[in-house]
Amino acid sequence: ITVNLQMTGLKPEDTAVYYCNAKTPDARPSFRRDYWGQGTQ
């Protein structure tokens, strides 16, 4: 139950708060779900 992001060759411009997102493929209002993590610096 995990999604990973492996980054190499990091640059100063990569500095940011990174957020995990989960959303349902069906964007219709009755089906749409969109969740966010609190972020990691």
Full PDB file with SEQRES, HELIX, SHEET, SSBOND, CRYST1, ORIGX, SCALE, CONECT and MASTER records, all heavy atoms in Angstrom:
SEQRES   1 A   41  ILE THR VAL ASN LEU GLN MET THR GLY LEU LYS PRO GLU          
SEQRES   2 A   41  ASP THR ALA VAL TYR TYR CYS ASN ALA LYS THR PRO ASP          
SEQRES   3 A   41  ALA ARG PRO SER PHE ARG ARG ASP TYR TRP GLY GLN GLY          
SEQRES   4 A   41  THR GLN                                                      
HELIX    1 AA1 PRO A   12  ASP A   14  5                                   3    
SHEET    1 AA1 2 ASN A  21  LYS A  23  0                                        
SHEET    2 AA1 2 ASP A  34  TRP A  36 -1                                        
CRYST1    1.000    1.000    1.000  90.00  90.00  90.00 P 1           1          
ORIGX1      1.000000  0.000000  0.000000        0.00000                         
ORIGX2      0.000000  1.000000  0.000000        0.00000                         
ORIGX3      0.000000  0.000000  1.000000        0.00000                         
SCALE1      1.000000  0.000000  0.000000        0.00000                         
SCALE2      0.000000  1.000000  0.000000        0.00000                         
SCALE3      0.000000  0.000000  1.000000        0.00000                         
ATOM      1  N   ILE A   1       0.842  -1.197   0.000  1.00  0.00           N  
ATOM      2  CA  ILE A   1       0.000   0.000   0.000  1.00  0.00           C  
ATOM      3  C   ILE A   1       0.883   1.254   0.000  1.00  0.00           C  
ATOM      4  O   ILE A   1       0.674   2.191   0.765  1.00  0.00           O  
ATOM      5  CB  ILE A   1      -0.956   0.016   1.214  1.00  0.00           C  
ATOM      6  CG1 ILE A   1      -1.482  -1.387   1.511  1.00  0.00           C  
ATOM      7  CG2 ILE A   1      -2.150   0.944   0.938  1.00  0.00           C  
ATOM      8  CD1 ILE A   1      -2.333  -1.478   2.745  1.00  0.00           C  
ATOM      9  N   THR A   2       1.851   1.247  -0.880  1.00  0.00           N  
ATOM     10  CA  THR A   2       2.874   2.280  -0.883  1.00  0.00           C  
ATOM     11  C   THR A   2       3.185   2.771  -2.284  1.00  0.00           C  
ATOM     12  O   THR A   2       3.209   1.989  -3.237  1.00  0.00           O  
ATOM     13  CB  THR A   2       4.173   1.746  -0.253  1.00  0.00           C  
ATOM     14  OG1 THR A   2       3.917   1.329   1.091  1.00  0.00           O  
ATOM     15  CG2 THR A   2       5.253   2.809  -0.235  1.00  0.00           C  
ATOM     16  N   VAL A   3       3.404   4.064  -2.399  1.00  0.00           N  
ATOM     17  CA  VAL A   3       3.908   4.638  -3.628  1.00  0.00           C  
ATOM     18  C   VAL A   3       5.234   5.315  -3.295  1.00  0.00           C  
ATOM     19  O   VAL A   3       5.357   5.969  -2.256  1.00  0.00           O  
ATOM     20  CB  VAL A   3       2.910   5.634  -4.257  1.00  0.00           C  
ATOM     21  CG1 VAL A   3       2.603   6.791  -3.316  1.00  0.00           C  
ATOM     22  CG2 VAL A   3       3.444   6.151  -5.590  1.00  0.00           C  
ATOM     23  N   ASN A   4       6.215   5.122  -4.165  1.00  0.00           N  
ATOM     24  CA  ASN A   4       7.547   5.643  -3.918  1.00  0.00           C  
ATOM     25  C   ASN A   4       7.979   6.587  -5.021  1.00  0.00           C  
ATOM     26  O   ASN A   4       7.540   6.479  -6.166  1.00  0.00           O  
ATOM     27  CB  ASN A   4       8.563   4.503  -3.821  1.00  0.00           C  
ATOM     28  CG  ASN A   4       8.220   3.506  -2.751  1.00  0.00           C  
ATOM     29  OD1 ASN A   4       8.042   3.863  -1.588  1.00  0.00           O  
ATOM     30  ND2 ASN A   4       8.122   2.228  -3.121  1.00  0.00           N  
ATOM     31  N   LEU A   5       8.839   7.495  -4.656  1.00  0.00           N  
ATOM     32  CA  LEU A   5       9.464   8.384  -5.627  1.00  0.00           C  
ATOM     33  C   LEU A   5      10.960   8.373  -5.367  1.00  0.00           C  
ATOM     34  O   LEU A   5      11.415   8.834  -4.323  1.00  0.00           O  
ATOM     35  CB  LEU A   5       8.922   9.812  -5.514  1.00  0.00           C  
ATOM     36  CG  LEU A   5       9.534  10.821  -6.488  1.00  0.00           C  
ATOM     37  CD1 LEU A   5       9.140  10.485  -7.930  1.00  0.00           C  
ATOM     38  CD2 LEU A   5       9.103  12.245  -6.143  1.00  0.00           C  
ATOM     39  N   GLN A   6      11.700   7.834  -6.315  1.00  0.00           N  
ATOM     40  CA  GLN A   6      13.150   7.804  -6.234  1.00  0.00           C  
ATOM     41  C   GLN A   6      13.697   8.926  -7.102  1.00  0.00           C  
ATOM     42  O   GLN A   6      13.409   8.982  -8.295  1.00  0.00           O  
ATOM     43  CB  GLN A   6      13.691   6.458  -6.706  1.00  0.00           C  
ATOM     44  CG  GLN A   6      15.207   6.340  -6.694  1.00  0.00           C  
ATOM     45  CD  GLN A   6      15.771   6.259  -5.300  1.00  0.00           C  
ATOM     46  OE1 GLN A   6      15.275   5.505  -4.476  1.00  0.00           O  
ATOM     47  NE2 GLN A   6      16.813   7.035  -5.027  1.00  0.00           N  
ATOM     48  N   MET A   7      14.455   9.805  -6.504  1.00  0.00           N  
ATOM     49  CA  MET A   7      15.037  10.917  -7.226  1.00  0.00           C  
ATOM     50  C   MET A   7      16.547  10.892  -7.110  1.00  0.00           C  
ATOM     51  O   MET A   7      17.095  10.649  -6.034  1.00  0.00           O  
ATOM     52  CB  MET A   7      14.505  12.256  -6.717  1.00  0.00           C  
ATOM     53  CG  MET A   7      13.000  12.436  -6.858  1.00  0.00           C  
ATOM     54  SD  MET A   7      12.451  14.108  -6.428  1.00  0.00           S  
ATOM     55  CE  MET A   7      13.158  15.056  -7.786  1.00  0.00           C  
ATOM     56  N   THR A   8      17.191  11.129  -8.220  1.00  0.00           N  
ATOM     57  CA  THR A   8      18.643  11.207  -8.257  1.00  0.00           C  
ATOM     58  C   THR A   8      19.052  12.517  -8.892  1.00  0.00           C  
ATOM     59  O   THR A   8      18.244  13.213  -9.502  1.00  0.00           O  
ATOM     60  CB  THR A   8      19.244  10.031  -9.052  1.00  0.00           C  
ATOM     61  OG1 THR A   8      18.761  10.066 -10.404  1.00  0.00           O  
ATOM     62  CG2 THR A   8      18.857   8.701  -8.432  1.00  0.00           C  
ATOM     63  N   GLY A   9      20.319  12.837  -8.756  1.00  0.00           N  
ATOM     64  CA  GLY A   9      20.806  14.079  -9.324  1.00  0.00           C  
ATOM     65  C   GLY A   9      20.022  15.284  -8.840  1.00  0.00           C  
ATOM     66  O   GLY A   9      19.654  16.158  -9.632  1.00  0.00           O  
ATOM     67  N   LEU A  10      19.781  15.324  -7.556  1.00  0.00           N  
ATOM     68  CA  LEU A  10      18.960  16.394  -6.986  1.00  0.00           C  
ATOM     69  C   LEU A  10      19.604  17.760  -7.181  1.00  0.00           C  
ATOM     70  O   LEU A  10      20.828  17.911  -7.119  1.00  0.00           O  
ATOM     71  CB  LEU A  10      18.708  16.133  -5.511  1.00  0.00           C  
ATOM     72  CG  LEU A  10      17.714  15.004  -5.224  1.00  0.00           C  
ATOM     73  CD1 LEU A  10      17.810  14.560  -3.781  1.00  0.00           C  
ATOM     74  CD2 LEU A  10      16.296  15.462  -5.546  1.00  0.00           C  
ATOM     75  N   LYS A  11      18.748  18.734  -7.405  1.00  0.00           N  
ATOM     76  CA  LYS A  11      19.174  20.099  -7.640  1.00  0.00           C  
ATOM     77  C   LYS A  11      18.541  21.018  -6.599  1.00  0.00           C  
ATOM     78  O   LYS A  11      17.491  20.692  -6.050  1.00  0.00           O  
ATOM     79  CB  LYS A  11      18.761  20.555  -9.037  1.00  0.00           C  
ATOM     80  CG  LYS A  11      19.234  19.645 -10.158  1.00  0.00           C  
ATOM     81  CD  LYS A  11      18.652  20.078 -11.492  1.00  0.00           C  
ATOM     82  CE  LYS A  11      19.090  19.155 -12.613  1.00  0.00           C  
ATOM     83  NZ  LYS A  11      18.510  19.569 -13.921  1.00  0.00           N  
ATOM     84  N   PRO A  12      19.151  22.156  -6.339  1.00  0.00           N  
ATOM     85  CA  PRO A  12      18.552  23.099  -5.386  1.00  0.00           C  
ATOM     86  C   PRO A  12      17.114  23.461  -5.741  1.00  0.00           C  
ATOM     87  O   PRO A  12      16.302  23.683  -4.843  1.00  0.00           O  
ATOM     88  CB  PRO A  12      19.471  24.321  -5.473  1.00  0.00           C  
ATOM     89  CG  PRO A  12      20.799  23.746  -5.821  1.00  0.00           C  
ATOM     90  CD  PRO A  12      20.490  22.617  -6.772  1.00  0.00           C  
ATOM     91  N   GLU A  13      16.793  23.513  -7.020  1.00  0.00           N  
ATOM     92  CA  GLU A  13      15.445  23.843  -7.433  1.00  0.00           C  
ATOM     93  C   GLU A  13      14.436  22.739  -7.138  1.00  0.00           C  
ATOM     94  O   GLU A  13      13.234  22.929  -7.322  1.00  0.00           O  
ATOM     95  CB  GLU A  13      15.394  24.211  -8.927  1.00  0.00           C  
ATOM     96  CG  GLU A  13      16.093  23.208  -9.821  1.00  0.00           C  
ATOM     97  CD  GLU A  13      17.506  23.642 -10.180  1.00  0.00           C  
ATOM     98  OE1 GLU A  13      18.238  24.073  -9.267  1.00  0.00           O  
ATOM     99  OE2 GLU A  13      17.876  23.548 -11.373  1.00  0.00           O  
ATOM    100  N   ASP A  14      14.916  21.593  -6.695  1.00  0.00           N  
ATOM    101  CA  ASP A  14      14.021  20.534  -6.252  1.00  0.00           C  
ATOM    102  C   ASP A  14      13.519  20.777  -4.838  1.00  0.00           C  
ATOM    103  O   ASP A  14      12.639  20.059  -4.361  1.00  0.00           O  
ATOM    104  CB  ASP A  14      14.722  19.173  -6.309  1.00  0.00           C  
ATOM    105  CG  ASP A  14      15.022  18.722  -7.730  1.00  0.00           C  
ATOM    106  OD1 ASP A  14      14.170  18.943  -8.618  1.00  0.00           O  
ATOM    107  OD2 ASP A  14      16.101  18.141  -7.949  1.00  0.00           O  
ATOM    108  N   THR A  15      14.081  21.757  -4.175  1.00  0.00           N  
ATOM    109  CA  THR A  15      13.671  22.078  -2.820  1.00  0.00           C  
ATOM    110  C   THR A  15      12.208  22.486  -2.788  1.00  0.00           C  
ATOM    111  O   THR A  15      11.783  23.404  -3.494  1.00  0.00           O  
ATOM    112  CB  THR A  15      14.534  23.209  -2.243  1.00  0.00           C  
ATOM    113  OG1 THR A  15      15.894  22.768  -2.149  1.00  0.00           O  
ATOM    114  CG2 THR A  15      14.048  23.603  -0.861  1.00  0.00           C  
ATOM    115  N   ALA A  16      11.439  21.804  -1.979  1.00  0.00           N  
ATOM    116  CA  ALA A  16      10.010  22.058  -1.893  1.00  0.00           C  
ATOM    117  C   ALA A  16       9.403  21.130  -0.848  1.00  0.00           C  
ATOM    118  O   ALA A  16      10.062  20.222  -0.345  1.00  0.00           O  
ATOM    119  CB  ALA A  16       9.326  21.834  -3.244  1.00  0.00           C  
ATOM    120  N   VAL A  17       8.158  21.386  -0.541  1.00  0.00           N  
ATOM    121  CA  VAL A  17       7.387  20.435   0.239  1.00  0.00           C  
ATOM    122  C   VAL A  17       6.748  19.467  -0.744  1.00  0.00           C  
ATOM    123  O   VAL A  17       6.085  19.883  -1.688  1.00  0.00           O  
ATOM    124  CB  VAL A  17       6.303  21.124   1.088  1.00  0.00           C  
ATOM    125  CG1 VAL A  17       5.469  20.088   1.833  1.00  0.00           C  
ATOM    126  CG2 VAL A  17       6.942  22.089   2.075  1.00  0.00           C  
ATOM    127  N   TYR A  18       6.969  18.201  -0.524  1.00  0.00           N  
ATOM    128  CA  TYR A  18       6.450  17.180  -1.409  1.00  0.00           C  
ATOM    129  C   TYR A  18       5.215  16.528  -0.796  1.00  0.00           C  
ATOM    130  O   TYR A  18       5.216  16.133   0.369  1.00  0.00           O  
ATOM    131  CB  TYR A  18       7.513  16.119  -1.684  1.00  0.00           C  
ATOM    132  CG  TYR A  18       8.576  16.586  -2.646  1.00  0.00           C  
ATOM    133  CD1 TYR A  18       9.479  17.583  -2.292  1.00  0.00           C  
ATOM    134  CD2 TYR A  18       8.665  16.034  -3.926  1.00  0.00           C  
ATOM    135  CE1 TYR A  18      10.442  18.030  -3.182  1.00  0.00           C  
ATOM    136  CE2 TYR A  18       9.627  16.471  -4.823  1.00  0.00           C  
ATOM    137  CZ  TYR A  18      10.514  17.472  -4.444  1.00  0.00           C  
ATOM    138  OH  TYR A  18      11.467  17.902  -5.336  1.00  0.00           O  
ATOM    139  N   TYR A  19       4.177  16.420  -1.615  1.00  0.00           N  
ATOM    140  CA  TYR A  19       2.903  15.896  -1.154  1.00  0.00           C  
ATOM    141  C   TYR A  19       2.516  14.634  -1.906  1.00  0.00           C  
ATOM    142  O   TYR A  19       2.627  14.572  -3.130  1.00  0.00           O  
ATOM    143  CB  TYR A  19       1.789  16.924  -1.349  1.00  0.00           C  
ATOM    144  CG  TYR A  19       1.956  18.196  -0.555  1.00  0.00           C  
ATOM    145  CD1 TYR A  19       2.643  19.282  -1.084  1.00  0.00           C  
ATOM    146  CD2 TYR A  19       1.411  18.307   0.724  1.00  0.00           C  
ATOM    147  CE1 TYR A  19       2.791  20.452  -0.363  1.00  0.00           C  
ATOM    148  CE2 TYR A  19       1.552  19.474   1.451  1.00  0.00           C  
ATOM    149  CZ  TYR A  19       2.242  20.545   0.900  1.00  0.00           C  
ATOM    150  OH  TYR A  19       2.385  21.707   1.620  1.00  0.00           O  
ATOM    151  N   CYS A  20       2.044  13.686  -1.175  1.00  0.00           N  
ATOM    152  CA  CYS A  20       1.494  12.476  -1.758  1.00  0.00           C  
ATOM    153  C   CYS A  20       0.019  12.697  -2.061  1.00  0.00           C  
ATOM    154  O   CYS A  20      -0.704  13.303  -1.268  1.00  0.00           O  
ATOM    155  CB  CYS A  20       1.672  11.311  -0.792  1.00  0.00           C  
ATOM    156  SG  CYS A  20       1.038   9.728  -1.386  1.00  0.00           S  
ATOM    157  N   ASN A  21      -0.420  12.215  -3.200  1.00  0.00           N  
ATOM    158  CA  ASN A  21      -1.801  12.395  -3.613  1.00  0.00           C  
ATOM    159  C   ASN A  21      -2.411  11.085  -4.075  1.00  0.00           C  
ATOM    160  O   ASN A  21      -1.757  10.281  -4.736  1.00  0.00           O  
ATOM    161  CB  ASN A  21      -1.880  13.432  -4.741  1.00  0.00           C  
ATOM    162  CG  ASN A  21      -3.259  13.522  -5.360  1.00  0.00           C  
ATOM    163  OD1 ASN A  21      -3.491  13.036  -6.462  1.00  0.00           O  
ATOM    164  ND2 ASN A  21      -4.182  14.166  -4.649  1.00  0.00           N  
ATOM    165  N   ALA A  22      -3.665  10.902  -3.733  1.00  0.00           N  
ATOM    166  CA  ALA A  22      -4.431   9.755  -4.202  1.00  0.00           C  
ATOM    167  C   ALA A  22      -5.752  10.254  -4.757  1.00  0.00           C  
ATOM    168  O   ALA A  22      -6.440  11.042  -4.114  1.00  0.00           O  
ATOM    169  CB  ALA A  22      -4.674   8.772  -3.063  1.00  0.00           C  
ATOM    170  N   LYS A  23      -6.095   9.816  -5.943  1.00  0.00           N  
ATOM    171  CA  LYS A  23      -7.352  10.220  -6.544  1.00  0.00           C  
ATOM    172  C   LYS A  23      -7.930   9.106  -7.382  1.00  0.00           C  
ATOM    173  O   LYS A  23      -7.205   8.293  -7.954  1.00  0.00           O  
ATOM    174  CB  LYS A  23      -7.179  11.490  -7.383  1.00  0.00           C  
ATOM    175  CG  LYS A  23      -6.273  11.338  -8.592  1.00  0.00           C  
ATOM    176  CD  LYS A  23      -6.152  12.655  -9.347  1.00  0.00           C  
ATOM    177  CE  LYS A  23      -5.234  12.524 -10.550  1.00  0.00           C  
ATOM    178  NZ  LYS A  23      -5.072  13.825 -11.253  1.00  0.00           N  
ATOM    179  N   THR A  24      -9.240   9.088  -7.454  1.00  0.00           N  
ATOM    180  CA  THR A  24      -9.918   8.100  -8.270  1.00  0.00           C  
ATOM    181  C   THR A  24      -9.829   8.489  -9.731  1.00  0.00           C  
ATOM    182  O   THR A  24      -9.940   9.668 -10.078  1.00  0.00           O  
ATOM    183  CB  THR A  24     -11.385   7.969  -7.863  1.00  0.00           C  
ATOM    184  OG1 THR A  24     -11.980   9.273  -7.796  1.00  0.00           O  
ATOM    185  CG2 THR A  24     -11.516   7.296  -6.511  1.00  0.00           C  
ATOM    186  N   PRO A  25      -9.626   7.529 -10.620  1.00  0.00           N  
ATOM    187  CA  PRO A  25      -9.561   7.831 -12.054  1.00  0.00           C  
ATOM    188  C   PRO A  25     -10.840   8.462 -12.588  1.00  0.00           C  
ATOM    189  O   PRO A  25     -10.780   9.289 -13.498  1.00  0.00           O  
ATOM    190  CB  PRO A  25      -9.322   6.454 -12.686  1.00  0.00           C  
ATOM    191  CG  PRO A  25      -8.662   5.657 -11.605  1.00  0.00           C  
ATOM    192  CD  PRO A  25      -9.316   6.126 -10.338  1.00  0.00           C  
ATOM    193  N   ASP A  26     -11.984   8.094 -12.048  1.00  0.00           N  
ATOM    194  CA  ASP A  26     -13.257   8.656 -12.455  1.00  0.00           C  
ATOM    195  C   ASP A  26     -13.446  10.008 -11.785  1.00  0.00           C  
ATOM    196  O   ASP A  26     -13.598  10.089 -10.563  1.00  0.00           O  
ATOM    197  CB  ASP A  26     -14.393   7.707 -12.079  1.00  0.00           C  
ATOM    198  CG  ASP A  26     -15.704   8.060 -12.761  1.00  0.00           C  
ATOM    199  OD1 ASP A  26     -15.885   9.223 -13.161  1.00  0.00           O  
ATOM    200  OD2 ASP A  26     -16.562   7.171 -12.887  1.00  0.00           O  
ATOM    201  N   ALA A  27     -13.435  11.074 -12.590  1.00  0.00           N  
ATOM    202  CA  ALA A  27     -13.480  12.431 -12.063  1.00  0.00           C  
ATOM    203  C   ALA A  27     -14.890  12.977 -11.868  1.00  0.00           C  
ATOM    204  O   ALA A  27     -15.049  14.127 -11.447  1.00  0.00           O  
ATOM    205  CB  ALA A  27     -12.688  13.367 -12.973  1.00  0.00           C  
ATOM    206  N   ARG A  28     -15.889  12.211 -12.190  1.00  0.00           N  
ATOM    207  CA  ARG A  28     -17.254  12.665 -11.975  1.00  0.00           C  
ATOM    208  C   ARG A  28     -17.483  12.929 -10.499  1.00  0.00           C  
ATOM    209  O   ARG A  28     -17.031  12.166  -9.645  1.00  0.00           O  
ATOM    210  CB  ARG A  28     -18.256  11.631 -12.497  1.00  0.00           C  
ATOM    211  CG  ARG A  28     -18.282  11.515 -14.017  1.00  0.00           C  
ATOM    212  CD  ARG A  28     -19.238  10.428 -14.476  1.00  0.00           C  
ATOM    213  NE  ARG A  28     -18.753   9.108 -14.116  1.00  0.00           N  
ATOM    214  CZ  ARG A  28     -19.412   7.977 -14.363  1.00  0.00           C  
ATOM    215  NH1 ARG A  28     -20.596   8.030 -14.953  1.00  0.00           N  
ATOM    216  NH2 ARG A  28     -18.885   6.821 -14.017  1.00  0.00           N  
ATOM    217  N   PRO A  29     -18.193  14.013 -10.179  1.00  0.00           N  
ATOM    218  CA  PRO A  29     -18.372  14.402  -8.777  1.00  0.00           C  
ATOM    219  C   PRO A  29     -18.855  13.289  -7.860  1.00  0.00           C  
ATOM    220  O   PRO A  29     -18.407  13.198  -6.711  1.00  0.00           O  
ATOM    221  CB  PRO A  29     -19.403  15.536  -8.869  1.00  0.00           C  
ATOM    222  CG  PRO A  29     -19.162  16.137 -10.217  1.00  0.00           C  
ATOM    223  CD  PRO A  29     -18.834  14.962 -11.100  1.00  0.00           C  
ATOM    224  N   SER A  30     -19.747  12.449  -8.355  1.00  0.00           N  
ATOM    225  CA  SER A  30     -20.291  11.393  -7.517  1.00  0.00           C  
ATOM    226  C   SER A  30     -19.287  10.288  -7.231  1.00  0.00           C  
ATOM    227  O   SER A  30     -19.480   9.496  -6.298  1.00  0.00           O  
ATOM    228  CB  SER A  30     -21.551  10.802  -8.153  1.00  0.00           C  
ATOM    229  OG  SER A  30     -21.266  10.253  -9.432  1.00  0.00           O  
ATOM    230  N   PHE A  31     -18.220  10.228  -8.023  1.00  0.00           N  
ATOM    231  CA  PHE A  31     -17.214   9.190  -7.850  1.00  0.00           C  
ATOM    232  C   PHE A  31     -15.858   9.726  -7.412  1.00  0.00           C  
ATOM    233  O   PHE A  31     -15.009   8.956  -6.953  1.00  0.00           O  
ATOM    234  CB  PHE A  31     -17.029   8.399  -9.147  1.00  0.00           C  
ATOM    235  CG  PHE A  31     -18.234   7.605  -9.553  1.00  0.00           C  
ATOM    236  CD1 PHE A  31     -19.121   8.103 -10.484  1.00  0.00           C  
ATOM    237  CD2 PHE A  31     -18.478   6.357  -8.998  1.00  0.00           C  
ATOM    238  CE1 PHE A  31     -20.235   7.374 -10.867  1.00  0.00           C  
ATOM    239  CE2 PHE A  31     -19.579   5.618  -9.366  1.00  0.00           C  
ATOM    240  CZ  PHE A  31     -20.467   6.130 -10.307  1.00  0.00           C  
ATOM    241  N   ARG A  32     -15.670  11.010  -7.550  1.00  0.00           N  
ATOM    242  CA  ARG A  32     -14.365  11.596  -7.318  1.00  0.00           C  
ATOM    243  C   ARG A  32     -13.944  11.539  -5.861  1.00  0.00           C  
ATOM    244  O   ARG A  32     -14.693  11.899  -4.960  1.00  0.00           O  
ATOM    245  CB  ARG A  32     -14.354  13.055  -7.783  1.00  0.00           C  
ATOM    246  CG  ARG A  32     -12.988  13.732  -7.684  1.00  0.00           C  
ATOM    247  CD  ARG A  32     -12.010  13.091  -8.646  1.00  0.00           C  
ATOM    248  NE  ARG A  32     -10.815  13.899  -8.816  1.00  0.00           N  
ATOM    249  CZ  ARG A  32      -9.822  13.600  -9.635  1.00  0.00           C  
ATOM    250  NH1 ARG A  32      -9.881  12.507 -10.378  1.00  0.00           N  
ATOM    251  NH2 ARG A  32      -8.766  14.403  -9.726  1.00  0.00           N  
ATOM    252  N   ARG A  33     -12.726  11.099  -5.664  1.00  0.00           N  
ATOM    253  CA  ARG A  33     -12.083  11.127  -4.365  1.00  0.00           C  
ATOM    254  C   ARG A  33     -10.684  11.676  -4.567  1.00  0.00           C  
ATOM    255  O   ARG A  33      -9.985  11.298  -5.502  1.00  0.00           O  
ATOM    256  CB  ARG A  33     -12.013   9.735  -3.727  1.00  0.00           C  
ATOM    257  CG  ARG A  33     -13.358   9.067  -3.513  1.00  0.00           C  
ATOM    258  CD  ARG A  33     -14.158   9.759  -2.427  1.00  0.00           C  
ATOM    259  NE  ARG A  33     -15.388   9.022  -2.134  1.00  0.00           N  
ATOM    260  CZ  ARG A  33     -16.539   9.186  -2.784  1.00  0.00           C  
ATOM    261  NH1 ARG A  33     -16.621  10.085  -3.763  1.00  0.00           N  
ATOM    262  NH2 ARG A  33     -17.599   8.468  -2.447  1.00  0.00           N  
ATOM    263  N   ASP A  34     -10.286  12.566  -3.696  1.00  0.00           N  
ATOM    264  CA  ASP A  34      -9.007  13.238  -3.841  1.00  0.00           C  
ATOM    265  C   ASP A  34      -8.427  13.481  -2.451  1.00  0.00           C  
ATOM    266  O   ASP A  34      -8.982  14.253  -1.674  1.00  0.00           O  
ATOM    267  CB  ASP A  34      -9.197  14.563  -4.589  1.00  0.00           C  
ATOM    268  CG  ASP A  34      -7.905  15.112  -5.163  1.00  0.00           C  
ATOM    269  OD1 ASP A  34      -6.819  14.609  -4.826  1.00  0.00           O  
ATOM    270  OD2 ASP A  34      -7.983  16.071  -5.966  1.00  0.00           O  
ATOM    271  N   TYR A  35      -7.331  12.827  -2.164  1.00  0.00           N  
ATOM    272  CA  TYR A  35      -6.732  12.915  -0.839  1.00  0.00           C  
ATOM    273  C   TYR A  35      -5.277  13.342  -0.922  1.00  0.00           C  
ATOM    274  O   TYR A  35      -4.580  13.054  -1.900  1.00  0.00           O  
ATOM    275  CB  TYR A  35      -6.828  11.569  -0.119  1.00  0.00           C  
ATOM    276  CG  TYR A  35      -8.229  11.045   0.009  1.00  0.00           C  
ATOM    277  CD1 TYR A  35      -8.665   9.988  -0.774  1.00  0.00           C  
ATOM    278  CD2 TYR A  35      -9.126  11.618   0.912  1.00  0.00           C  
ATOM    279  CE1 TYR A  35      -9.954   9.501  -0.664  1.00  0.00           C  
ATOM    280  CE2 TYR A  35     -10.423  11.143   1.018  1.00  0.00           C  
ATOM    281  CZ  TYR A  35     -10.832  10.083   0.232  1.00  0.00           C  
ATOM    282  OH  TYR A  35     -12.119   9.612   0.346  1.00  0.00           O  
ATOM    283  N   TRP A  36      -4.846  14.017   0.123  1.00  0.00           N  
ATOM    284  CA  TRP A  36      -3.496  14.545   0.179  1.00  0.00           C  
ATOM    285  C   TRP A  36      -2.823  14.209   1.497  1.00  0.00           C  
ATOM    286  O   TRP A  36      -3.461  14.180   2.550  1.00  0.00           O  
ATOM    287  CB  TRP A  36      -3.506  16.069   0.030  1.00  0.00           C  
ATOM    288  CG  TRP A  36      -3.987  16.541  -1.304  1.00  0.00           C  
ATOM    289  CD1 TRP A  36      -5.276  16.797  -1.661  1.00  0.00           C  
ATOM    290  CD2 TRP A  36      -3.181  16.807  -2.453  1.00  0.00           C  
ATOM    291  NE1 TRP A  36      -5.324  17.211  -2.973  1.00  0.00           N  
ATOM    292  CE2 TRP A  36      -4.060  17.227  -3.477  1.00  0.00           C  
ATOM    293  CE3 TRP A  36      -1.816  16.744  -2.718  1.00  0.00           C  
ATOM    294  CZ2 TRP A  36      -3.601  17.578  -4.751  1.00  0.00           C  
ATOM    295  CZ3 TRP A  36      -1.365  17.094  -3.973  1.00  0.00           C  
ATOM    296  CH2 TRP A  36      -2.256  17.504  -4.980  1.00  0.00           C  
ATOM    297  N   GLY A  37      -1.532  13.981   1.417  1.00  0.00           N  
ATOM    298  CA  GLY A  37      -0.750  13.852   2.615  1.00  0.00           C  
ATOM    299  C   GLY A  37      -0.434  15.230   3.170  1.00  0.00           C  
ATOM    300  O   GLY A  37      -0.717  16.251   2.546  1.00  0.00           O  
ATOM    301  N   GLN A  38       0.162  15.267   4.334  1.00  0.00           N  
ATOM    302  CA  GLN A  38       0.466  16.548   4.956  1.00  0.00           C  
ATOM    303  C   GLN A  38       1.745  17.176   4.423  1.00  0.00           C  
ATOM    304  O   GLN A  38       2.017  18.344   4.701  1.00  0.00           O  
ATOM    305  CB  GLN A  38       0.555  16.395   6.470  1.00  0.00           C  
ATOM    306  CG  GLN A  38       1.659  15.473   6.956  1.00  0.00           C  
ATOM    307  CD  GLN A  38       1.663  15.334   8.466  1.00  0.00           C  
ATOM    308  OE1 GLN A  38       1.210  16.226   9.183  1.00  0.00           O  
ATOM    309  NE2 GLN A  38       2.166  14.217   8.950  1.00  0.00           N  
ATOM    310  N   GLY A  39       2.511  16.434   3.684  1.00  0.00           N  
ATOM    311  CA  GLY A  39       3.708  16.958   3.060  1.00  0.00           C  
ATOM    312  C   GLY A  39       4.975  16.634   3.824  1.00  0.00           C  
ATOM    313  O   GLY A  39       4.967  16.521   5.046  1.00  0.00           O  
ATOM    314  N   THR A  40       6.046  16.497   3.092  1.00  0.00           N  
ATOM    315  CA  THR A  40       7.353  16.280   3.689  1.00  0.00           C  
ATOM    316  C   THR A  40       8.357  17.209   3.014  1.00  0.00           C  
ATOM    317  O   THR A  40       8.380  17.342   1.795  1.00  0.00           O  
ATOM    318  CB  THR A  40       7.795  14.803   3.565  1.00  0.00           C  
ATOM    319  OG1 THR A  40       9.047  14.617   4.224  1.00  0.00           O  
ATOM    320  CG2 THR A  40       7.931  14.371   2.109  1.00  0.00           C  
ATOM    321  N   GLN A  41       9.155  17.862   3.822  1.00  0.00           N  
ATOM    322  CA  GLN A  41      10.092  18.855   3.309  1.00  0.00           C  
ATOM    323  C   GLN A  41      11.319  18.190   2.701  1.00  0.00           C  
ATOM    324  O   GLN A  41      11.947  17.330   3.325  1.00  0.00           O  
ATOM    325  CB  GLN A  41      10.522  19.805   4.426  1.00  0.00           C  
ATOM    326  CG  GLN A  41      11.564  20.841   4.008  1.00  0.00           C  
ATOM    327  CD  GLN A  41      11.007  21.900   3.090  1.00  0.00           C  
ATOM    328  OE1 GLN A  41       9.941  22.462   3.361  1.00  0.00           O  
ATOM    329  NE2 GLN A  41      11.708  22.177   2.000  1.00  0.00           N  
TER     330      GLN A  41                                                      
MASTER        0    0    0    1    2    0    0    6  329    1    0    4          
END                                                                             
